[in-house]
Amino acid sequence: MEKKKKKSISTIMKTEWPLHVLLLPAMILLIIFAYLPMVGIVISFQDFVPSGGMKGFFTSEWVGLENFRYIFAMKDFRQVLVNTLVIAILKIAAGIIVPLILALLLNEVNNRAFKKATQTIIYVPYFLSWVVLGGILVDILSPTSGIVNSALKALGHEPVYFLGNPDTIRGTLIVSDVWKGCGYNMVIFLAALTGIDQSQYEAAKVDGAGYFKQMLYITLPGILPQIILVTVLGLGNILNAGFDQVFNLYSPIVYEKADIIDTFVYRLGMLNLQYSVSTAVGLFKSVISFVLITSSFALAKKFANYQIF
């Protein structure tokens, strides 16, 4: 067989230039809204004075790593970092286990209409913003009129302040995050289940293997690459514990257990006007996230044969 000749860059540009033109507006928007704002990173090395406007970038005093020393010495920052890691790791774990169980259960349902309806109902919260879901959860979990506490009262239990108790806020954040996002991963696992050769199940039945044996030796190994991929890619977002969710559900009462890096940066910069310190915290998170994302893609390529380029 003849080897295909590689096209030169000039040939590609001549034949594919309309595609590059279509891509141009998106690239311009990306540069304006994603790359140009990165110039603000210099604020983390300055004692930035916002009253100077744009001139503040050039006139503010350079303090080197002083802002980073300040944040690492803050007790609140250490607690925020712990909260972020705990909440994010538990979200990643629950966000894989629950969709996997749901996918395995739905895969055994023979009634097509019931299966599709259930899948749609589980998937719907994924399309709603946390502003909407936050309001719904505040009403549902209200200690006075919420349906959950009404049921607890009917059963003889004391009402629980889910969103105002440091002991329950983390569990509430994790459960509500799984409720919103499990439909997405469930669809991924369901799609992976359809790719398993059905003759393997038939052979297993002939050999007398029950449901759990089939799941253990056929189903789970069959979708293991997808499980590894979802897990590894989730590691790249381990410092993103969910700003939208936490911001809409937390309060000063539960800062000790629910305050995360993103909400901490918001309060430092937008409320306390400590622009240099908040930028330093954001830069610290960005550097760590970059390392984690790079490592996660390397792991995804190694264990799941997944690569972007």
C-alpha atoms as a PDB file:
ATOM      1  CA  MET A   1       0.000   0.000   0.000  1.00  0.00           C
ATOM      2  CA  GLU A   2       1.207   3.473  -0.820  1.00  0.00           C
ATOM      3  CA  LYS A   3       1.947   5.775   2.066  1.00  0.00           C
ATOM      4  CA  LYS A   4      -0.217   8.870   2.237  1.00  0.00           C
ATOM      5  CA  LYS A   5       1.725  12.064   1.730  1.00  0.00           C
ATOM      6  CA  LYS A   6       1.461  14.624   4.495  1.00  0.00           C
ATOM      7  CA  LYS A   7      -0.172  17.863   3.454  1.00  0.00           C
ATOM      8  CA  SER A   8       1.896  21.003   3.843  1.00  0.00           C
ATOM      9  CA  ILE A   9       0.660  23.863   6.023  1.00  0.00           C
ATOM     10  CA  SER A  10       0.096  26.044   2.951  1.00  0.00           C
ATOM     11  CA  THR A  11      -2.066  23.340   1.333  1.00  0.00           C
ATOM     12  CA  ILE A  12      -4.083  22.919   4.510  1.00  0.00           C
ATOM     13  CA  MET A  13      -4.661  26.679   4.770  1.00  0.00           C
ATOM     14  CA  LYS A  14      -5.796  26.882   1.144  1.00  0.00           C
ATOM     15  CA  THR A  15      -8.312  24.061   1.510  1.00  0.00           C
ATOM     16  CA  GLU A  16      -9.454  24.659   5.105  1.00  0.00           C
ATOM     17  CA  TRP A  17      -9.354  28.468   5.396  1.00  0.00           C
ATOM     18  CA  PRO A  18     -13.177  28.770   5.747  1.00  0.00           C
ATOM     19  CA  LEU A  19     -12.983  26.664   8.926  1.00  0.00           C
ATOM     20  CA  HIS A  20     -10.275  28.936  10.340  1.00  0.00           C
ATOM     21  CA  VAL A  21     -12.389  32.008   9.517  1.00  0.00           C
ATOM     22  CA  LEU A  22     -15.330  30.476  11.402  1.00  0.00           C
ATOM     23  CA  LEU A  23     -13.007  29.850  14.350  1.00  0.00           C
ATOM     24  CA  LEU A  24     -11.700  33.426  14.359  1.00  0.00           C
ATOM     25  CA  PRO A  25     -14.575  35.097  16.336  1.00  0.00           C
ATOM     26  CA  ALA A  26     -14.295  32.464  19.073  1.00  0.00           C
ATOM     27  CA  MET A  27     -10.530  32.969  19.249  1.00  0.00           C
ATOM     28  CA  ILE A  28     -10.962  36.748  19.539  1.00  0.00           C
ATOM     29  CA  LEU A  29     -13.469  36.336  22.386  1.00  0.00           C
ATOM     30  CA  LEU A  30     -11.135  33.850  24.099  1.00  0.00           C
ATOM     31  CA  ILE A  31      -8.227  36.293  23.919  1.00  0.00           C
ATOM     32  CA  ILE A  32     -10.324  39.209  25.204  1.00  0.00           C
ATOM     33  CA  PHE A  33     -12.077  37.432  28.066  1.00  0.00           C
ATOM     34  CA  ALA A  34      -9.575  34.702  29.024  1.00  0.00           C
ATOM     35  CA  TYR A  35      -6.041  35.814  28.188  1.00  0.00           C
ATOM     36  CA  LEU A  36      -6.043  39.617  28.484  1.00  0.00           C
ATOM     37  CA  PRO A  37      -7.409  39.507  32.076  1.00  0.00           C
ATOM     38  CA  MET A  38      -4.354  37.408  33.003  1.00  0.00           C
ATOM     39  CA  VAL A  39      -2.375  40.666  32.923  1.00  0.00           C
ATOM     40  CA  GLY A  40      -3.958  41.314  36.319  1.00  0.00           C
ATOM     41  CA  ILE A  41      -1.694  38.626  37.804  1.00  0.00           C
ATOM     42  CA  VAL A  42       0.892  41.367  38.432  1.00  0.00           C
ATOM     43  CA  ILE A  43      -1.388  42.731  41.195  1.00  0.00           C
ATOM     44  CA  SER A  44      -0.464  39.743  43.369  1.00  0.00           C
ATOM     45  CA  PHE A  45       3.118  41.080  43.503  1.00  0.00           C
ATOM     46  CA  GLN A  46       2.108  44.669  44.281  1.00  0.00           C
ATOM     47  CA  ASP A  47       0.535  46.705  47.026  1.00  0.00           C
ATOM     48  CA  PHE A  48      -2.129  47.625  44.512  1.00  0.00           C
ATOM     49  CA  VAL A  49      -3.952  50.944  44.912  1.00  0.00           C
ATOM     50  CA  PRO A  50      -7.260  50.722  43.006  1.00  0.00           C
ATOM     51  CA  SER A  51      -7.857  54.497  43.114  1.00  0.00           C
ATOM     52  CA  GLY A  52      -5.067  54.861  40.560  1.00  0.00           C
ATOM     53  CA  GLY A  53      -7.093  53.071  37.885  1.00  0.00           C
ATOM     54  CA  MET A  54      -5.075  51.527  35.083  1.00  0.00           C
ATOM     55  CA  LYS A  55      -2.092  53.607  36.159  1.00  0.00           C
ATOM     56  CA  GLY A  56      -2.065  51.551  39.348  1.00  0.00           C
ATOM     57  CA  PHE A  57      -0.449  48.698  37.425  1.00  0.00           C
ATOM     58  CA  PHE A  58       2.631  50.903  36.930  1.00  0.00           C
ATOM     59  CA  THR A  59       2.576  53.149  40.006  1.00  0.00           C
ATOM     60  CA  SER A  60       1.723  50.657  42.764  1.00  0.00           C
ATOM     61  CA  GLU A  61       4.586  49.547  44.982  1.00  0.00           C
ATOM     62  CA  TRP A  62       6.127  46.157  44.198  1.00  0.00           C
ATOM     63  CA  VAL A  63       6.246  43.913  47.271  1.00  0.00           C
ATOM     64  CA  GLY A  64       7.476  40.663  45.713  1.00  0.00           C
ATOM     65  CA  LEU A  65       6.173  37.594  47.534  1.00  0.00           C
ATOM     66  CA  GLU A  66       4.914  39.489  50.580  1.00  0.00           C
ATOM     67  CA  ASN A  67       1.240  38.880  49.687  1.00  0.00           C
ATOM     68  CA  PHE A  68       1.887  35.135  49.470  1.00  0.00           C
ATOM     69  CA  ARG A  69       3.642  35.129  52.847  1.00  0.00           C
ATOM     70  CA  TYR A  70       0.647  36.953  54.264  1.00  0.00           C
ATOM     71  CA  ILE A  71      -1.945  34.478  52.980  1.00  0.00           C
ATOM     72  CA  PHE A  72       0.067  31.409  54.022  1.00  0.00           C
ATOM     73  CA  ALA A  73       0.272  32.846  57.538  1.00  0.00           C
ATOM     74  CA  MET A  74      -3.510  33.340  57.710  1.00  0.00           C
ATOM     75  CA  LYS A  75      -5.339  30.804  59.841  1.00  0.00           C
ATOM     76  CA  ASP A  76      -8.480  31.335  57.759  1.00  0.00           C
ATOM     77  CA  PHE A  77      -6.624  30.419  54.561  1.00  0.00           C
ATOM     78  CA  ARG A  78      -5.461  27.099  55.976  1.00  0.00           C
ATOM     79  CA  GLN A  79      -9.017  26.261  57.013  1.00  0.00           C
ATOM     80  CA  VAL A  80     -10.340  27.330  53.605  1.00  0.00           C
ATOM     81  CA  LEU A  81      -7.806  25.086  51.863  1.00  0.00           C
ATOM     82  CA  VAL A  82      -8.836  22.115  54.028  1.00  0.00           C
ATOM     83  CA  ASN A  83     -12.536  22.809  53.350  1.00  0.00           C
ATOM     84  CA  THR A  84     -11.885  22.997  49.607  1.00  0.00           C
ATOM     85  CA  LEU A  85      -9.978  19.712  49.504  1.00  0.00           C
ATOM     86  CA  VAL A  86     -12.474  17.817  51.676  1.00  0.00           C
ATOM     87  CA  ILE A  87     -15.557  19.040  49.819  1.00  0.00           C
ATOM     88  CA  ALA A  88     -13.996  18.592  46.362  1.00  0.00           C
ATOM     89  CA  ILE A  89     -12.671  15.065  47.040  1.00  0.00           C
ATOM     90  CA  LEU A  90     -15.986  13.884  48.497  1.00  0.00           C
ATOM     91  CA  LYS A  91     -17.841  15.427  45.540  1.00  0.00           C
ATOM     92  CA  ILE A  92     -15.589  13.623  43.061  1.00  0.00           C
ATOM     93  CA  ALA A  93     -16.014  10.282  44.858  1.00  0.00           C
ATOM     94  CA  ALA A  94     -19.787  10.588  45.243  1.00  0.00           C
ATOM     95  CA  GLY A  95     -20.090  11.973  41.712  1.00  0.00           C
ATOM     96  CA  ILE A  96     -18.640   8.727  40.349  1.00  0.00           C
ATOM     97  CA  ILE A  97     -20.114   6.102  42.681  1.00  0.00           C
ATOM     98  CA  VAL A  98     -23.743   7.298  42.570  1.00  0.00           C
ATOM     99  CA  PRO A  99     -23.971   7.693  38.742  1.00  0.00           C
ATOM    100  CA  LEU A 100     -22.269   4.316  38.326  1.00  0.00           C
ATOM    101  CA  ILE A 101     -24.828   2.600  40.571  1.00  0.00           C
ATOM    102  CA  LEU A 102     -27.713   4.354  38.793  1.00  0.00           C
ATOM    103  CA  ALA A 103     -26.320   3.372  35.396  1.00  0.00           C
ATOM    104  CA  LEU A 104     -25.986  -0.279  36.448  1.00  0.00           C
ATOM    105  CA  LEU A 105     -29.549  -0.302  37.794  1.00  0.00           C
ATOM    106  CA  LEU A 106     -31.053   1.414  34.735  1.00  0.00           C
ATOM    107  CA  ASN A 107     -29.147  -0.922  32.447  1.00  0.00           C
ATOM    108  CA  GLU A 108     -31.134  -3.833  33.899  1.00  0.00           C
ATOM    109  CA  VAL A 109     -34.513  -2.181  33.226  1.00  0.00           C
ATOM    110  CA  ASN A 110     -36.293  -3.731  30.227  1.00  0.00           C
ATOM    111  CA  ASN A 111     -39.186  -1.255  30.028  1.00  0.00           C
ATOM    112  CA  ARG A 112     -37.829   1.257  27.514  1.00  0.00           C
ATOM    113  CA  ALA A 113     -40.369   4.011  28.311  1.00  0.00           C
ATOM    114  CA  PHE A 114     -39.716   3.792  32.071  1.00  0.00           C
ATOM    115  CA  LYS A 115     -35.967   3.738  31.477  1.00  0.00           C
ATOM    116  CA  LYS A 116     -36.026   6.859  29.284  1.00  0.00           C
ATOM    117  CA  ALA A 117     -38.365   8.729  31.660  1.00  0.00           C
ATOM    118  CA  THR A 118     -36.184   7.936  34.688  1.00  0.00           C
ATOM    119  CA  GLN A 119     -33.032   8.940  32.828  1.00  0.00           C
ATOM    120  CA  THR A 120     -34.604  12.268  31.817  1.00  0.00           C
ATOM    121  CA  ILE A 121     -35.843  13.031  35.355  1.00  0.00           C
ATOM    122  CA  ILE A 122     -32.371  12.366  36.794  1.00  0.00           C
ATOM    123  CA  TYR A 123     -30.705  14.457  34.075  1.00  0.00           C
ATOM    124  CA  VAL A 124     -32.969  17.557  34.337  1.00  0.00           C
ATOM    125  CA  PRO A 125     -31.264  19.212  37.385  1.00  0.00           C
ATOM    126  CA  TYR A 126     -27.977  19.287  35.453  1.00  0.00           C
ATOM    127  CA  PHE A 127     -29.415  21.985  33.155  1.00  0.00           C
ATOM    128  CA  LEU A 128     -30.524  24.267  36.004  1.00  0.00           C
ATOM    129  CA  SER A 129     -28.263  26.933  37.474  1.00  0.00           C
ATOM    130  CA  TRP A 130     -27.322  26.981  41.139  1.00  0.00           C
ATOM    131  CA  VAL A 131     -29.223  30.255  41.501  1.00  0.00           C
ATOM    132  CA  VAL A 132     -32.442  28.366  40.724  1.00  0.00           C
ATOM    133  CA  LEU A 133     -31.510  25.193  42.583  1.00  0.00           C
ATOM    134  CA  GLY A 134     -30.236  27.213  45.546  1.00  0.00           C
ATOM    135  CA  GLY A 135     -33.652  28.809  45.962  1.00  0.00           C
ATOM    136  CA  ILE A 136     -35.343  25.406  45.655  1.00  0.00           C
ATOM    137  CA  LEU A 137     -33.035  23.874  48.273  1.00  0.00           C
ATOM    138  CA  VAL A 138     -33.537  26.781  50.694  1.00  0.00           C
ATOM    139  CA  ASP A 139     -37.307  26.166  50.516  1.00  0.00           C
ATOM    140  CA  ILE A 140     -37.067  22.365  50.676  1.00  0.00           C
ATOM    141  CA  LEU A 141     -34.614  22.358  53.600  1.00  0.00           C
ATOM    142  CA  SER A 142     -36.174  25.205  55.582  1.00  0.00           C
ATOM    143  CA  PRO A 143     -36.299  24.243  59.299  1.00  0.00           C
ATOM    144  CA  THR A 144     -39.766  25.795  59.660  1.00  0.00           C
ATOM    145  CA  SER A 145     -41.686  25.101  56.449  1.00  0.00           C
ATOM    146  CA  GLY A 146     -39.452  22.842  54.334  1.00  0.00           C
ATOM    147  CA  ILE A 147     -40.842  19.521  53.161  1.00  0.00           C
ATOM    148  CA  VAL A 148     -37.837  17.589  54.534  1.00  0.00           C
ATOM    149  CA  ASN A 149     -38.166  18.965  58.074  1.00  0.00           C
ATOM    150  CA  SER A 150     -41.948  18.620  57.906  1.00  0.00           C
ATOM    151  CA  ALA A 151     -41.433  14.913  57.259  1.00  0.00           C
ATOM    152  CA  LEU A 152     -38.915  14.703  60.125  1.00  0.00           C
ATOM    153  CA  LYS A 153     -41.395  16.386  62.483  1.00  0.00           C
ATOM    154  CA  ALA A 154     -44.117  13.961  61.419  1.00  0.00           C
ATOM    155  CA  LEU A 155     -41.785  11.102  62.334  1.00  0.00           C
ATOM    156  CA  GLY A 156     -41.137  12.601  65.759  1.00  0.00           C
ATOM    157  CA  HIS A 157     -37.690  14.098  65.091  1.00  0.00           C
ATOM    158  CA  GLU A 158     -36.442  17.584  65.775  1.00  0.00           C
ATOM    159  CA  PRO A 159     -36.023  19.844  62.692  1.00  0.00           C
ATOM    160  CA  VAL A 160     -32.515  20.050  61.245  1.00  0.00           C
ATOM    161  CA  TYR A 161     -31.035  23.346  60.003  1.00  0.00           C
ATOM    162  CA  PHE A 162     -29.195  21.770  57.060  1.00  0.00           C
ATOM    163  CA  LEU A 163     -27.823  25.039  55.650  1.00  0.00           C
ATOM    164  CA  GLY A 164     -27.118  26.749  58.966  1.00  0.00           C
ATOM    165  CA  ASN A 165     -25.361  24.030  60.919  1.00  0.00           C
ATOM    166  CA  PRO A 166     -21.580  23.496  60.463  1.00  0.00           C
ATOM    167  CA  ASP A 167     -22.070  19.787  61.164  1.00  0.00           C
ATOM    168  CA  THR A 168     -24.520  19.288  58.266  1.00  0.00           C
ATOM    169  CA  ILE A 169     -23.484  21.860  55.662  1.00  0.00           C
ATOM    170  CA  ARG A 170     -20.763  19.743  54.011  1.00  0.00           C
ATOM    171  CA  GLY A 171     -23.071  16.750  53.652  1.00  0.00           C
ATOM    172  CA  THR A 172     -25.774  19.026  52.232  1.00  0.00           C
ATOM    173  CA  LEU A 173     -23.358  20.490  49.683  1.00  0.00           C
ATOM    174  CA  ILE A 174     -22.164  17.044  48.579  1.00  0.00           C
ATOM    175  CA  VAL A 175     -25.643  15.480  48.338  1.00  0.00           C
ATOM    176  CA  SER A 176     -27.071  18.460  46.460  1.00  0.00           C
ATOM    177  CA  ASP A 177     -24.100  18.469  44.069  1.00  0.00           C
ATOM    178  CA  VAL A 178     -24.646  14.773  43.331  1.00  0.00           C
ATOM    179  CA  TRP A 179     -28.358  15.439  42.825  1.00  0.00           C
ATOM    180  CA  LYS A 180     -27.575  18.132  40.255  1.00  0.00           C
ATOM    181  CA  GLY A 181     -24.695  16.530  38.368  1.00  0.00           C
ATOM    182  CA  CYS A 182     -25.056  12.752  38.577  1.00  0.00           C
ATOM    183  CA  GLY A 183     -27.183  12.619  35.421  1.00  0.00           C
ATOM    184  CA  TYR A 184     -24.233  13.679  33.254  1.00  0.00           C
ATOM    185  CA  ASN A 185     -21.858  10.926  34.387  1.00  0.00           C
ATOM    186  CA  MET A 186     -24.720   8.443  34.410  1.00  0.00           C
ATOM    187  CA  VAL A 187     -25.239   9.003  30.680  1.00  0.00           C
ATOM    188  CA  ILE A 188     -21.509   8.449  30.081  1.00  0.00           C
ATOM    189  CA  PHE A 189     -21.614   5.136  31.938  1.00  0.00           C
ATOM    190  CA  LEU A 190     -24.833   4.079  30.176  1.00  0.00           C
ATOM    191  CA  ALA A 191     -23.223   4.778  26.805  1.00  0.00           C
ATOM    192  CA  ALA A 192     -20.207   2.707  27.856  1.00  0.00           C
ATOM    193  CA  LEU A 193     -22.473  -0.178  28.922  1.00  0.00           C
ATOM    194  CA  THR A 194     -24.000  -0.355  25.452  1.00  0.00           C
ATOM    195  CA  GLY A 195     -20.541  -1.080  24.028  1.00  0.00           C
ATOM    196  CA  ILE A 196     -20.098  -4.318  25.973  1.00  0.00           C
ATOM    197  CA  ASP A 197     -20.405  -7.455  23.855  1.00  0.00           C
ATOM    198  CA  GLN A 198     -23.712  -9.101  24.846  1.00  0.00           C
ATOM    199  CA  SER A 199     -22.383 -12.552  23.934  1.00  0.00           C
ATOM    200  CA  GLN A 200     -20.234 -12.383  27.073  1.00  0.00           C
ATOM    201  CA  TYR A 201     -23.385 -12.228  29.220  1.00  0.00           C
ATOM    202  CA  GLU A 202     -24.937 -15.123  27.315  1.00  0.00           C
ATOM    203  CA  ALA A 203     -21.837 -17.234  27.858  1.00  0.00           C
ATOM    204  CA  ALA A 204     -21.786 -16.291  31.542  1.00  0.00           C
ATOM    205  CA  LYS A 205     -25.436 -17.332  31.955  1.00  0.00           C
ATOM    206  CA  VAL A 206     -24.700 -20.671  30.350  1.00  0.00           C
ATOM    207  CA  ASP A 207     -21.879 -21.151  32.867  1.00  0.00           C
ATOM    208  CA  GLY A 208     -24.311 -20.387  35.706  1.00  0.00           C
ATOM    209  CA  ALA A 209     -23.062 -16.901  36.606  1.00  0.00           C
ATOM    210  CA  GLY A 210     -25.614 -14.775  38.441  1.00  0.00           C
ATOM    211  CA  TYR A 211     -26.170 -11.023  38.170  1.00  0.00           C
ATOM    212  CA  PHE A 212     -23.452 -10.040  40.655  1.00  0.00           C
ATOM    213  CA  LYS A 213     -20.894 -12.355  39.043  1.00  0.00           C
ATOM    214  CA  GLN A 214     -21.706 -10.885  35.628  1.00  0.00           C
ATOM    215  CA  MET A 215     -21.397  -7.365  37.007  1.00  0.00           C
ATOM    216  CA  LEU A 216     -18.112  -8.184  38.738  1.00  0.00           C
ATOM    217  CA  TYR A 217     -16.388  -9.980  35.865  1.00  0.00           C
ATOM    218  CA  ILE A 218     -18.007  -8.496  32.747  1.00  0.00           C
ATOM    219  CA  THR A 219     -19.797  -5.185  33.348  1.00  0.00           C
ATOM    220  CA  LEU A 220     -17.294  -3.372  35.575  1.00  0.00           C
ATOM    221  CA  PRO A 221     -14.196  -4.490  33.603  1.00  0.00           C
ATOM    222  CA  GLY A 222     -16.019  -3.492  30.411  1.00  0.00           C
ATOM    223  CA  ILE A 223     -16.521   0.115  31.509  1.00  0.00           C
ATOM    224  CA  LEU A 224     -13.363   0.397  33.619  1.00  0.00           C
ATOM    225  CA  PRO A 225     -11.622   2.724  31.107  1.00  0.00           C
ATOM    226  CA  GLN A 226     -14.550   5.187  31.336  1.00  0.00           C
ATOM    227  CA  ILE A 227     -14.542   4.994  35.146  1.00  0.00           C
ATOM    228  CA  ILE A 228     -10.805   5.683  35.224  1.00  0.00           C
ATOM    229  CA  LEU A 229     -11.190   8.529  32.722  1.00  0.00           C
ATOM    230  CA  VAL A 230     -13.956  10.281  34.685  1.00  0.00           C
ATOM    231  CA  THR A 231     -12.013   9.836  37.933  1.00  0.00           C
ATOM    232  CA  VAL A 232      -8.707  11.087  36.566  1.00  0.00           C
ATOM    233  CA  LEU A 233     -10.227  14.108  34.843  1.00  0.00           C
ATOM    234  CA  GLY A 234     -12.044  14.947  38.068  1.00  0.00           C
ATOM    235  CA  LEU A 235      -8.693  15.193  39.845  1.00  0.00           C
ATOM    236  CA  GLY A 236      -7.847  18.236  37.751  1.00  0.00           C
ATOM    237  CA  ASN A 237     -10.746  20.112  39.375  1.00  0.00           C
ATOM    238  CA  ILE A 238      -9.897  19.136  42.933  1.00  0.00           C
ATOM    239  CA  LEU A 239      -9.518  22.802  43.962  1.00  0.00           C
ATOM    240  CA  ASN A 240     -12.819  23.751  42.298  1.00  0.00           C
ATOM    241  CA  ALA A 241     -15.267  22.837  45.026  1.00  0.00           C
ATOM    242  CA  GLY A 242     -18.091  24.723  43.307  1.00  0.00           C
ATOM    243  CA  PHE A 243     -18.275  28.502  43.777  1.00  0.00           C
ATOM    244  CA  ASP A 244     -21.828  28.870  42.398  1.00  0.00           C
ATOM    245  CA  GLN A 245     -23.231  26.215  44.709  1.00  0.00           C
ATOM    246  CA  VAL A 246     -21.415  27.272  47.879  1.00  0.00           C
ATOM    247  CA  PHE A 247     -22.027  30.992  47.298  1.00  0.00           C
ATOM    248  CA  ASN A 248     -25.780  30.436  46.961  1.00  0.00           C
ATOM    249  CA  LEU A 249     -26.112  28.062  49.928  1.00  0.00           C
ATOM    250  CA  TYR A 250     -23.630  29.092  52.623  1.00  0.00           C
ATOM    251  CA  SER A 251     -23.771  31.829  55.259  1.00  0.00           C
ATOM    252  CA  PRO A 252     -21.345  33.329  57.832  1.00  0.00           C
ATOM    253  CA  ILE A 253     -22.568  30.773  60.379  1.00  0.00           C
ATOM    254  CA  VAL A 254     -20.999  27.904  58.415  1.00  0.00           C
ATOM    255  CA  TYR A 255     -17.831  29.607  57.084  1.00  0.00           C
ATOM    256  CA  GLU A 256     -15.758  27.320  59.303  1.00  0.00           C
ATOM    257  CA  LYS A 257     -16.825  24.195  57.377  1.00  0.00           C
ATOM    258  CA  ALA A 258     -18.097  25.483  54.024  1.00  0.00           C
ATOM    259  CA  ASP A 259     -15.881  28.410  53.019  1.00  0.00           C
ATOM    260  CA  ILE A 260     -13.778  27.442  49.977  1.00  0.00           C
ATOM    261  CA  ILE A 261     -10.990  29.157  48.044  1.00  0.00           C
ATOM    262  CA  ASP A 262     -13.277  30.770  45.451  1.00  0.00           C
ATOM    263  CA  THR A 263     -15.684  32.266  48.006  1.00  0.00           C
ATOM    264  CA  PHE A 264     -12.696  33.335  50.131  1.00  0.00           C
ATOM    265  CA  VAL A 265     -11.220  35.193  47.144  1.00  0.00           C
ATOM    266  CA  TYR A 266     -14.600  36.804  46.459  1.00  0.00           C
ATOM    267  CA  ARG A 267     -14.864  38.164  50.011  1.00  0.00           C
ATOM    268  CA  LEU A 268     -11.258  39.355  50.102  1.00  0.00           C
ATOM    269  CA  GLY A 269     -11.464  41.154  46.765  1.00  0.00           C
ATOM    270  CA  MET A 270     -15.065  42.290  46.338  1.00  0.00           C
ATOM    271  CA  LEU A 271     -16.114  42.882  49.943  1.00  0.00           C
ATOM    272  CA  ASN A 272     -12.871  43.683  51.808  1.00  0.00           C
ATOM    273  CA  LEU A 273     -11.202  45.379  48.808  1.00  0.00           C
ATOM    274  CA  GLN A 274      -7.924  43.515  49.401  1.00  0.00           C
ATOM    275  CA  TYR A 275      -7.182  43.182  45.697  1.00  0.00           C
ATOM    276  CA  SER A 276      -3.518  42.222  45.983  1.00  0.00           C
ATOM    277  CA  VAL A 277      -4.140  39.491  48.567  1.00  0.00           C
ATOM    278  CA  SER A 278      -7.155  38.060  46.736  1.00  0.00           C
ATOM    279  CA  THR A 279      -5.210  37.993  43.453  1.00  0.00           C
ATOM    280  CA  ALA A 280      -2.362  36.164  45.210  1.00  0.00           C
ATOM    281  CA  VAL A 281      -4.811  33.523  46.477  1.00  0.00           C
ATOM    282  CA  GLY A 282      -6.285  33.171  42.998  1.00  0.00           C
ATOM    283  CA  LEU A 283      -2.834  32.811  41.427  1.00  0.00           C
ATOM    284  CA  PHE A 284      -1.875  30.164  43.989  1.00  0.00           C
ATOM    285  CA  LYS A 285      -5.016  28.192  43.126  1.00  0.00           C
ATOM    286  CA  SER A 286      -4.424  28.590  39.377  1.00  0.00           C
ATOM    287  CA  VAL A 287      -0.844  27.277  39.569  1.00  0.00           C
ATOM    288  CA  ILE A 288      -1.879  24.232  41.627  1.00  0.00           C
ATOM    289  CA  SER A 289      -4.862  23.600  39.333  1.00  0.00           C
ATOM    290  CA  PHE A 290      -2.606  23.781  36.251  1.00  0.00           C
ATOM    291  CA  VAL A 291      -0.287  21.154  37.744  1.00  0.00           C
ATOM    292  CA  LEU A 292      -3.238  18.929  38.673  1.00  0.00           C
ATOM    293  CA  ILE A 293      -4.895  19.252  35.260  1.00  0.00           C
ATOM    294  CA  THR A 294      -1.632  18.498  33.450  1.00  0.00           C
ATOM    295  CA  SER A 295      -1.044  15.487  35.679  1.00  0.00           C
ATOM    296  CA  SER A 296      -4.629  14.269  35.239  1.00  0.00           C
ATOM    297  CA  PHE A 297      -4.343  14.287  31.448  1.00  0.00           C
ATOM    298  CA  ALA A 298      -1.042  12.396  31.695  1.00  0.00           C
ATOM    299  CA  LEU A 299      -2.733   9.815  33.932  1.00  0.00           C
ATOM    300  CA  ALA A 300      -5.742   9.648  31.607  1.00  0.00           C
ATOM    301  CA  LYS A 301      -3.451   8.880  28.676  1.00  0.00           C
ATOM    302  CA  LYS A 302      -1.594   6.213  30.667  1.00  0.00           C
ATOM    303  CA  PHE A 303      -4.540   4.375  32.235  1.00  0.00           C
ATOM    304  CA  ALA A 304      -7.471   5.124  29.872  1.00  0.00           C
ATOM    305  CA  ASN A 305      -5.649   5.843  26.580  1.00  0.00           C
ATOM    306  CA  TYR A 306      -7.306   9.276  26.432  1.00  0.00           C
ATOM    307  CA  GLN A 307      -5.559  12.297  25.006  1.00  0.00           C
ATOM    308  CA  ILE A 308      -6.621  15.700  23.692  1.00  0.00           C
ATOM    309  CA  PHE A 309      -3.882  16.160  21.104  1.00  0.00           C
END
